[in-house]
C-alpha cells in the first residue's frame, strides 16, 4: 500500500502559528469569533508551567485560567505539542539581546549566562525535547545573535554551530542541579546541613575510611567550602571556555 502523502506539500501549521505576525492567522482556523488571542493563551500557559511545571500543562487547565470552555482553546492552538512550541519561542524573546562586547571568552560567557537566566525564569524549559527546536521568530533571532556574537574569532561555520551547541548544552546540566536543589529545599522541612548533622553518626559507622579514603577526604574538603548557588555553573563554564579557547588557538595555528 502506498504511503499517505496527504499534506506533505503543505507548510507546518506550527510554523504558520509561530510566524503569525508576518503571515496572519492560519487559513482554515476554526471556531466562532474569538474572545481572547493566541498571545493571551500563551501567557496563561507559561504562567501555568512556571507555577506547576510542564507536566501540569493541558488545554483544559489553560482554558480554566482564561475562563474559557475547554474546547475553545483549540480555536487558537491545535494541540498541546503546538502550544509548547509557541511557549518555547515566546520566552526566547522575553529579554532584549544585548550588544556583544569583549573577546571570545566574554562573549561565550554572555551567551551562557543568558541561557542560565532563562532556565531559572522558566524551569520547565529543561523538560522540553529540543531535538527539533521550533523555528519561530524569537528562536531564530536568538540563534542568529548567538552566531554573530561568536563570529570572527577563528571558528569556521561548522565549528561555530558545534561550539554553540556545546555551550548551551552545558548550561542545562548545572541549571537542572541548581533548580532540583531549590525544589528540595522548598519541599523539605530541614536544610542540607540539618540532614547531614542528623545522619552523621550513622554515616560515620557505614562509610569505612579504609574503603572510601578518597571519598572521605574530598567530601570533608568540599563540605568545608561555602559555595554560592551558581558556583558549579561558573566553575564549569570557566573550564569549558578554557577548552574552547585552546581549540580555537590550535585551529588558527593549523590554518596559518
C-alpha atoms as a PDB file:
ATOM      1  CA  UNK A   1       0.000   0.000   0.000  1.00  0.00           C
ATOM      2  CA  UNK A   2       1.363   3.399  -0.940  1.00  0.00           C
ATOM      3  CA  UNK A   3       2.211   5.762   1.887  1.00  0.00           C
ATOM      4  CA  UNK A   4      -0.267   8.550   2.510  1.00  0.00           C
ATOM      5  CA  UNK A   5       1.413  11.776   1.391  1.00  0.00           C
ATOM      6  CA  UNK A   6      -1.604  13.981   2.024  1.00  0.00           C
ATOM      7  CA  UNK A   7      -0.454  17.326   3.322  1.00  0.00           C
ATOM      8  CA  UNK A   8       3.270  16.726   2.823  1.00  0.00           C
ATOM      9  CA  UNK A   9       3.481  19.719   0.493  1.00  0.00           C
ATOM     10  CA  UNK A  10       1.716  21.968   2.997  1.00  0.00           C
ATOM     11  CA  UNK A  11       3.802  24.082   5.388  1.00  0.00           C
ATOM     12  CA  UNK A  12       3.749  23.009   9.018  1.00  0.00           C
ATOM     13  CA  UNK A  13       0.817  24.595  10.876  1.00  0.00           C
ATOM     14  CA  UNK A  14       3.047  25.261  13.885  1.00  0.00           C
ATOM     15  CA  UNK A  15       5.365  27.317  11.682  1.00  0.00           C
ATOM     16  CA  UNK A  16       2.416  29.368  10.496  1.00  0.00           C
ATOM     17  CA  UNK A  17       1.386  29.990  14.099  1.00  0.00           C
ATOM     18  CA  UNK A  18       4.924  30.870  15.150  1.00  0.00           C
ATOM     19  CA  UNK A  19       5.190  33.405  12.325  1.00  0.00           C
ATOM     20  CA  UNK A  20       1.598  34.604  12.644  1.00  0.00           C
ATOM     21  CA  UNK A  21       2.549  38.284  12.919  1.00  0.00           C
ATOM     22  CA  UNK A  22       4.085  38.105   9.462  1.00  0.00           C
ATOM     23  CA  UNK A  23       1.775  35.543   7.860  1.00  0.00           C
ATOM     24  CA  UNK A  24      -1.545  36.358   9.533  1.00  0.00           C
ATOM     25  CA  UNK A  25      -3.939  33.904  11.165  1.00  0.00           C
ATOM     26  CA  UNK A  26      -3.632  30.455   9.526  1.00  0.00           C
ATOM     27  CA  UNK A  27      -6.179  29.828   6.822  1.00  0.00           C
ATOM     28  CA  UNK A  28      -8.870  27.461   7.986  1.00  0.00           C
ATOM     29  CA  UNK A  29      -8.669  28.352  11.689  1.00  0.00           C
ATOM     30  CA  UNK A  30     -11.914  27.045  13.077  1.00  0.00           C
ATOM     31  CA  UNK A  31     -14.458  28.224  15.554  1.00  0.00           C
ATOM     32  CA  UNK A  32     -16.525  31.316  16.324  1.00  0.00           C
ATOM     33  CA  UNK A  33     -15.194  34.815  16.823  1.00  0.00           C
ATOM     34  CA  UNK A  34     -12.531  34.538  19.494  1.00  0.00           C
ATOM     35  CA  UNK A  35     -12.793  36.342  22.825  1.00  0.00           C
ATOM     36  CA  UNK A  36      -9.067  36.080  23.575  1.00  0.00           C
ATOM     37  CA  UNK A  37      -5.891  35.933  21.490  1.00  0.00           C
ATOM     38  CA  UNK A  38      -3.075  33.472  20.913  1.00  0.00           C
ATOM     39  CA  UNK A  39      -0.824  35.730  22.964  1.00  0.00           C
ATOM     40  CA  UNK A  40      -3.230  35.563  25.920  1.00  0.00           C
ATOM     41  CA  UNK A  41      -3.380  31.782  25.615  1.00  0.00           C
ATOM     42  CA  UNK A  42       0.433  31.709  25.592  1.00  0.00           C
ATOM     43  CA  UNK A  43       0.698  33.967  28.631  1.00  0.00           C
ATOM     44  CA  UNK A  44      -1.699  31.756  30.585  1.00  0.00           C
ATOM     45  CA  UNK A  45       0.133  28.591  29.521  1.00  0.00           C
ATOM     46  CA  UNK A  46       3.527  29.993  30.509  1.00  0.00           C
ATOM     47  CA  UNK A  47       2.239  31.105  33.918  1.00  0.00           C
ATOM     48  CA  UNK A  48       0.785  27.643  34.476  1.00  0.00           C
ATOM     49  CA  UNK A  49       4.064  25.934  33.526  1.00  0.00           C
ATOM     50  CA  UNK A  50       6.051  28.363  35.700  1.00  0.00           C
ATOM     51  CA  UNK A  51       3.759  27.725  38.684  1.00  0.00           C
ATOM     52  CA  UNK A  52       3.223  23.971  38.414  1.00  0.00           C
ATOM     53  CA  UNK A  53       5.659  22.546  35.852  1.00  0.00           C
ATOM     54  CA  UNK A  54       5.210  21.452  32.269  1.00  0.00           C
ATOM     55  CA  UNK A  55       3.560  18.167  33.318  1.00  0.00           C
ATOM     56  CA  UNK A  56       0.601  20.221  34.620  1.00  0.00           C
ATOM     57  CA  UNK A  57       0.065  21.862  31.254  1.00  0.00           C
ATOM     58  CA  UNK A  58      -3.108  20.848  29.448  1.00  0.00           C
ATOM     59  CA  UNK A  59      -5.527  22.616  27.163  1.00  0.00           C
ATOM     60  CA  UNK A  60      -8.221  22.294  29.841  1.00  0.00           C
ATOM     61  CA  UNK A  61      -6.020  23.902  32.517  1.00  0.00           C
ATOM     62  CA  UNK A  62      -5.157  26.774  30.195  1.00  0.00           C
ATOM     63  CA  UNK A  63      -8.844  27.259  29.415  1.00  0.00           C
ATOM     64  CA  UNK A  64      -9.617  27.362  33.139  1.00  0.00           C
ATOM     65  CA  UNK A  65      -7.085  30.135  33.663  1.00  0.00           C
ATOM     66  CA  UNK A  66      -8.657  32.171  30.887  1.00  0.00           C
ATOM     67  CA  UNK A  67     -12.221  31.471  31.919  1.00  0.00           C
ATOM     68  CA  UNK A  68     -12.914  29.727  28.615  1.00  0.00           C
ATOM     69  CA  UNK A  69     -14.639  26.489  27.747  1.00  0.00           C
ATOM     70  CA  UNK A  70     -12.025  23.718  27.348  1.00  0.00           C
ATOM     71  CA  UNK A  71     -12.642  23.085  23.659  1.00  0.00           C
ATOM     72  CA  UNK A  72     -12.431  26.778  22.806  1.00  0.00           C
ATOM     73  CA  UNK A  73      -8.642  26.767  23.361  1.00  0.00           C
ATOM     74  CA  UNK A  74      -8.337  24.596  20.251  1.00  0.00           C
ATOM     75  CA  UNK A  75      -9.581  27.509  18.152  1.00  0.00           C
ATOM     76  CA  UNK A  76      -6.297  29.260  18.978  1.00  0.00           C
ATOM     77  CA  UNK A  77      -3.803  26.366  19.031  1.00  0.00           C
ATOM     78  CA  UNK A  78      -4.466  22.885  17.611  1.00  0.00           C
ATOM     79  CA  UNK A  79      -2.916  20.940  20.487  1.00  0.00           C
ATOM     80  CA  UNK A  80      -0.571  20.707  23.462  1.00  0.00           C
ATOM     81  CA  UNK A  81       2.551  19.987  21.393  1.00  0.00           C
ATOM     82  CA  UNK A  82       1.996  23.063  19.239  1.00  0.00           C
ATOM     83  CA  UNK A  83       1.283  25.133  22.350  1.00  0.00           C
ATOM     84  CA  UNK A  84       4.613  24.120  23.886  1.00  0.00           C
ATOM     85  CA  UNK A  85       6.455  25.087  20.686  1.00  0.00           C
ATOM     86  CA  UNK A  86       4.828  28.509  20.833  1.00  0.00           C
ATOM     87  CA  UNK A  87       5.723  28.870  24.509  1.00  0.00           C
ATOM     88  CA  UNK A  88       9.391  27.992  23.913  1.00  0.00           C
ATOM     89  CA  UNK A  89       9.653  30.544  21.126  1.00  0.00           C
ATOM     90  CA  UNK A  90       7.838  33.203  23.135  1.00  0.00           C
ATOM     91  CA  UNK A  91      10.135  33.036  26.172  1.00  0.00           C
ATOM     92  CA  UNK A  92      13.178  33.200  23.882  1.00  0.00           C
ATOM     93  CA  UNK A  93      12.113  36.764  23.054  1.00  0.00           C
ATOM     94  CA  UNK A  94      11.395  37.982  26.580  1.00  0.00           C
ATOM     95  CA  UNK A  95      14.739  39.685  27.179  1.00  0.00           C
ATOM     96  CA  UNK A  96      16.303  42.133  24.693  1.00  0.00           C
ATOM     97  CA  UNK A  97      19.549  40.711  23.352  1.00  0.00           C
ATOM     98  CA  UNK A  98      22.493  42.865  24.466  1.00  0.00           C
ATOM     99  CA  UNK A  99      25.175  44.206  22.197  1.00  0.00           C
ATOM    100  CA  UNK A 100      28.126  41.771  22.345  1.00  0.00           C
ATOM    101  CA  UNK A 101      31.361  43.209  23.702  1.00  0.00           C
ATOM    102  CA  UNK A 102      34.826  41.939  24.521  1.00  0.00           C
ATOM    103  CA  UNK A 103      36.751  38.958  23.269  1.00  0.00           C
ATOM    104  CA  UNK A 104      35.715  35.388  22.661  1.00  0.00           C
ATOM    105  CA  UNK A 105      35.801  34.470  26.346  1.00  0.00           C
ATOM    106  CA  UNK A 106      33.492  37.298  27.387  1.00  0.00           C
ATOM    107  CA  UNK A 107      31.083  36.531  24.561  1.00  0.00           C
ATOM    108  CA  UNK A 108      30.867  32.831  25.352  1.00  0.00           C
ATOM    109  CA  UNK A 109      30.127  33.713  28.974  1.00  0.00           C
ATOM    110  CA  UNK A 110      27.462  36.215  27.915  1.00  0.00           C
ATOM    111  CA  UNK A 111      25.596  33.608  25.850  1.00  0.00           C
ATOM    112  CA  UNK A 112      25.800  31.022  28.632  1.00  0.00           C
ATOM    113  CA  UNK A 113      24.572  33.386  31.348  1.00  0.00           C
ATOM    114  CA  UNK A 114      21.603  34.491  29.260  1.00  0.00           C
ATOM    115  CA  UNK A 115      20.624  30.842  28.872  1.00  0.00           C
ATOM    116  CA  UNK A 116      21.169  30.225  32.599  1.00  0.00           C
ATOM    117  CA  UNK A 117      18.855  33.117  33.467  1.00  0.00           C
ATOM    118  CA  UNK A 118      16.209  31.818  31.060  1.00  0.00           C
ATOM    119  CA  UNK A 119      16.248  28.400  32.718  1.00  0.00           C
ATOM    120  CA  UNK A 120      15.892  29.998  36.159  1.00  0.00           C
ATOM    121  CA  UNK A 121      12.917  32.071  34.951  1.00  0.00           C
ATOM    122  CA  UNK A 122      11.257  29.065  33.310  1.00  0.00           C
ATOM    123  CA  UNK A 123      12.497  25.733  34.783  1.00  0.00           C
ATOM    124  CA  UNK A 124      10.080  23.771  32.592  1.00  0.00           C
ATOM    125  CA  UNK A 125      12.311  24.535  29.602  1.00  0.00           C
ATOM    126  CA  UNK A 126      14.662  21.835  30.904  1.00  0.00           C
ATOM    127  CA  UNK A 127      11.934  19.240  30.361  1.00  0.00           C
ATOM    128  CA  UNK A 128      11.338  20.104  26.703  1.00  0.00           C
ATOM    129  CA  UNK A 129      12.646  17.965  23.849  1.00  0.00           C
ATOM    130  CA  UNK A 130      14.765  20.330  21.755  1.00  0.00           C
ATOM    131  CA  UNK A 131      15.975  17.827  19.154  1.00  0.00           C
ATOM    132  CA  UNK A 132      13.849  19.749  16.632  1.00  0.00           C
ATOM    133  CA  UNK A 133      13.533  23.252  18.099  1.00  0.00           C
ATOM    134  CA  UNK A 134      10.608  25.406  16.985  1.00  0.00           C
ATOM    135  CA  UNK A 135      11.904  27.716  14.252  1.00  0.00           C
ATOM    136  CA  UNK A 136       9.899  30.719  15.345  1.00  0.00           C
ATOM    137  CA  UNK A 137      10.938  34.357  15.090  1.00  0.00           C
ATOM    138  CA  UNK A 138      12.376  34.621  18.602  1.00  0.00           C
ATOM    139  CA  UNK A 139      14.299  31.349  18.459  1.00  0.00           C
ATOM    140  CA  UNK A 140      15.623  32.316  15.025  1.00  0.00           C
ATOM    141  CA  UNK A 141      16.628  35.810  16.176  1.00  0.00           C
ATOM    142  CA  UNK A 142      18.336  34.405  19.251  1.00  0.00           C
ATOM    143  CA  UNK A 143      20.289  31.808  17.263  1.00  0.00           C
ATOM    144  CA  UNK A 144      21.395  34.443  14.755  1.00  0.00           C
ATOM    145  CA  UNK A 145      22.500  36.697  17.614  1.00  0.00           C
ATOM    146  CA  UNK A 146      24.494  33.850  19.209  1.00  0.00           C
ATOM    147  CA  UNK A 147      26.249  33.040  15.930  1.00  0.00           C
ATOM    148  CA  UNK A 148      27.059  36.689  15.238  1.00  0.00           C
ATOM    149  CA  UNK A 149      28.349  37.053  18.784  1.00  0.00           C
ATOM    150  CA  UNK A 150      30.932  34.299  18.175  1.00  0.00           C
ATOM    151  CA  UNK A 151      31.653  35.067  14.518  1.00  0.00           C
ATOM    152  CA  UNK A 152      35.050  36.423  13.530  1.00  0.00           C
ATOM    153  CA  UNK A 153      37.150  34.702  16.202  1.00  0.00           C
ATOM    154  CA  UNK A 154      38.615  31.953  14.039  1.00  0.00           C
ATOM    155  CA  UNK A 155      35.841  29.364  14.118  1.00  0.00           C
ATOM    156  CA  UNK A 156      34.612  28.090  10.754  1.00  0.00           C
ATOM    157  CA  UNK A 157      30.874  27.731  10.177  1.00  0.00           C
ATOM    158  CA  UNK A 158      30.704  24.089  11.285  1.00  0.00           C
ATOM    159  CA  UNK A 159      32.668  24.814  14.450  1.00  0.00           C
ATOM    160  CA  UNK A 160      30.511  27.857  15.173  1.00  0.00           C
ATOM    161  CA  UNK A 161      27.478  25.588  15.273  1.00  0.00           C
ATOM    162  CA  UNK A 162      29.276  22.898  17.281  1.00  0.00           C
ATOM    163  CA  UNK A 163      30.697  25.288  19.874  1.00  0.00           C
ATOM    164  CA  UNK A 164      27.365  26.993  20.385  1.00  0.00           C
ATOM    165  CA  UNK A 165      25.573  23.654  20.745  1.00  0.00           C
ATOM    166  CA  UNK A 166      28.224  22.511  23.252  1.00  0.00           C
ATOM    167  CA  UNK A 167      27.952  25.732  25.257  1.00  0.00           C
ATOM    168  CA  UNK A 168      24.172  25.747  25.507  1.00  0.00           C
ATOM    169  CA  UNK A 169      24.107  22.026  26.237  1.00  0.00           C
ATOM    170  CA  UNK A 170      26.490  22.534  29.146  1.00  0.00           C
ATOM    171  CA  UNK A 171      24.277  25.171  30.781  1.00  0.00           C
ATOM    172  CA  UNK A 172      21.386  22.738  31.118  1.00  0.00           C
ATOM    173  CA  UNK A 173      23.306  20.434  33.496  1.00  0.00           C
ATOM    174  CA  UNK A 174      24.148  22.824  36.341  1.00  0.00           C
ATOM    175  CA  UNK A 175      20.837  24.653  35.845  1.00  0.00           C
ATOM    176  CA  UNK A 176      18.938  21.409  36.409  1.00  0.00           C
ATOM    177  CA  UNK A 177      21.001  20.602  39.507  1.00  0.00           C
ATOM    178  CA  UNK A 178      20.507  24.104  40.887  1.00  0.00           C
ATOM    179  CA  UNK A 179      16.741  24.022  40.364  1.00  0.00           C
ATOM    180  CA  UNK A 180      16.457  20.485  41.782  1.00  0.00           C
ATOM    181  CA  UNK A 181      18.247  21.654  44.927  1.00  0.00           C
ATOM    182  CA  UNK A 182      15.900  24.619  45.230  1.00  0.00           C
ATOM    183  CA  UNK A 183      12.843  22.376  44.866  1.00  0.00           C
ATOM    184  CA  UNK A 184      14.197  20.020  47.524  1.00  0.00           C
ATOM    185  CA  UNK A 185      14.766  22.908  49.934  1.00  0.00           C
ATOM    186  CA  UNK A 186      11.204  24.169  49.400  1.00  0.00           C
ATOM    187  CA  UNK A 187       9.649  20.735  49.911  1.00  0.00           C
ATOM    188  CA  UNK A 188      11.781  19.651  52.867  1.00  0.00           C
ATOM    189  CA  UNK A 189      11.424  20.679  56.478  1.00  0.00           C
ATOM    190  CA  UNK A 190      15.180  20.527  57.027  1.00  0.00           C
ATOM    191  CA  UNK A 191      18.200  22.121  55.401  1.00  0.00           C
ATOM    192  CA  UNK A 192      21.096  20.185  53.891  1.00  0.00           C
ATOM    193  CA  UNK A 193      23.170  20.972  56.975  1.00  0.00           C
ATOM    194  CA  UNK A 194      20.407  19.621  59.218  1.00  0.00           C
ATOM    195  CA  UNK A 195      20.191  16.413  57.155  1.00  0.00           C
ATOM    196  CA  UNK A 196      23.945  15.812  57.362  1.00  0.00           C
ATOM    197  CA  UNK A 197      24.005  16.553  61.098  1.00  0.00           C
ATOM    198  CA  UNK A 198      21.109  14.147  61.732  1.00  0.00           C
ATOM    199  CA  UNK A 199      22.677  11.333  59.738  1.00  0.00           C
ATOM    200  CA  UNK A 200      26.344  11.918  60.625  1.00  0.00           C
ATOM    201  CA  UNK A 201      26.517   9.223  63.362  1.00  0.00           C
ATOM    202  CA  UNK A 202      25.146   6.548  61.028  1.00  0.00           C
ATOM    203  CA  UNK A 203      27.332   7.670  58.123  1.00  0.00           C
ATOM    204  CA  UNK A 204      30.398   7.506  60.353  1.00  0.00           C
ATOM    205  CA  UNK A 205      29.592   3.847  61.043  1.00  0.00           C
ATOM    206  CA  UNK A 206      28.933   2.743  57.456  1.00  0.00           C
ATOM    207  CA  UNK A 207      31.409   4.891  55.499  1.00  0.00           C
ATOM    208  CA  UNK A 208      34.568   2.980  56.399  1.00  0.00           C
ATOM    209  CA  UNK A 209      37.571   5.299  55.816  1.00  0.00           C
ATOM    210  CA  UNK A 210      39.684   2.313  54.754  1.00  0.00           C
ATOM    211  CA  UNK A 211      37.177   1.521  52.000  1.00  0.00           C
ATOM    212  CA  UNK A 212      36.426   5.109  50.994  1.00  0.00           C
ATOM    213  CA  UNK A 213      39.621   7.053  51.785  1.00  0.00           C
ATOM    214  CA  UNK A 214      39.467   9.463  48.827  1.00  0.00           C
ATOM    215  CA  UNK A 215      35.703   9.944  49.092  1.00  0.00           C
ATOM    216  CA  UNK A 216      36.019  10.822  52.753  1.00  0.00           C
ATOM    217  CA  UNK A 217      38.876  13.252  52.190  1.00  0.00           C
ATOM    218  CA  UNK A 218      37.228  15.007  49.236  1.00  0.00           C
ATOM    219  CA  UNK A 219      33.812  15.096  50.886  1.00  0.00           C
ATOM    220  CA  UNK A 220      35.241  16.698  54.002  1.00  0.00           C
ATOM    221  CA  UNK A 221      37.129  19.308  51.984  1.00  0.00           C
ATOM    222  CA  UNK A 222      34.159  20.125  49.757  1.00  0.00           C
ATOM    223  CA  UNK A 223      31.805  20.316  52.720  1.00  0.00           C
ATOM    224  CA  UNK A 224      34.009  22.901  54.396  1.00  0.00           C
ATOM    225  CA  UNK A 225      33.739  25.288  51.451  1.00  0.00           C
ATOM    226  CA  UNK A 226      30.879  27.777  51.473  1.00  0.00           C
ATOM    227  CA  UNK A 227      29.552  27.813  47.905  1.00  0.00           C
ATOM    228  CA  UNK A 228      27.224  30.232  46.163  1.00  0.00           C
ATOM    229  CA  UNK A 229      24.200  28.647  44.434  1.00  0.00           C
ATOM    230  CA  UNK A 230      25.709  29.152  40.988  1.00  0.00           C
ATOM    231  CA  UNK A 231      29.304  28.143  41.829  1.00  0.00           C
ATOM    232  CA  UNK A 232      29.096  24.854  39.929  1.00  0.00           C
ATOM    233  CA  UNK A 233      27.816  26.684  36.867  1.00  0.00           C
ATOM    234  CA  UNK A 234      30.516  29.368  36.985  1.00  0.00           C
ATOM    235  CA  UNK A 235      33.313  26.835  37.608  1.00  0.00           C
ATOM    236  CA  UNK A 236      32.182  24.574  34.776  1.00  0.00           C
ATOM    237  CA  UNK A 237      31.640  27.486  32.421  1.00  0.00           C
ATOM    238  CA  UNK A 238      35.165  28.798  33.034  1.00  0.00           C
ATOM    239  CA  UNK A 239      36.712  25.379  32.361  1.00  0.00           C
ATOM    240  CA  UNK A 240      34.607  24.898  29.220  1.00  0.00           C
ATOM    241  CA  UNK A 241      35.669  28.275  27.883  1.00  0.00           C
ATOM    242  CA  UNK A 242      39.293  27.415  28.683  1.00  0.00           C
ATOM    243  CA  UNK A 243      38.971  24.388  26.430  1.00  0.00           C
ATOM    244  CA  UNK A 244      37.257  26.281  23.625  1.00  0.00           C
ATOM    245  CA  UNK A 245      39.986  28.926  23.664  1.00  0.00           C
ATOM    246  CA  UNK A 246      42.678  26.243  23.400  1.00  0.00           C
ATOM    247  CA  UNK A 247      40.816  24.658  20.499  1.00  0.00           C
ATOM    248  CA  UNK A 248      40.461  27.983  18.662  1.00  0.00           C
ATOM    249  CA  UNK A 249      44.164  28.776  19.090  1.00  0.00           C
ATOM    250  CA  UNK A 250      45.171  25.341  17.799  1.00  0.00           C
ATOM    251  CA  UNK A 251      42.797  25.653  14.835  1.00  0.00           C
ATOM    252  CA  UNK A 252      44.260  29.046  13.932  1.00  0.00           C
ATOM    253  CA  UNK A 253      47.786  27.629  14.037  1.00  0.00           C
ATOM    254  CA  UNK A 254      46.791  24.783  11.732  1.00  0.00           C
ATOM    255  CA  UNK A 255      45.315  27.182   9.151  1.00  0.00           C
ATOM    256  CA  UNK A 256      48.146  29.731   9.369  1.00  0.00           C
END
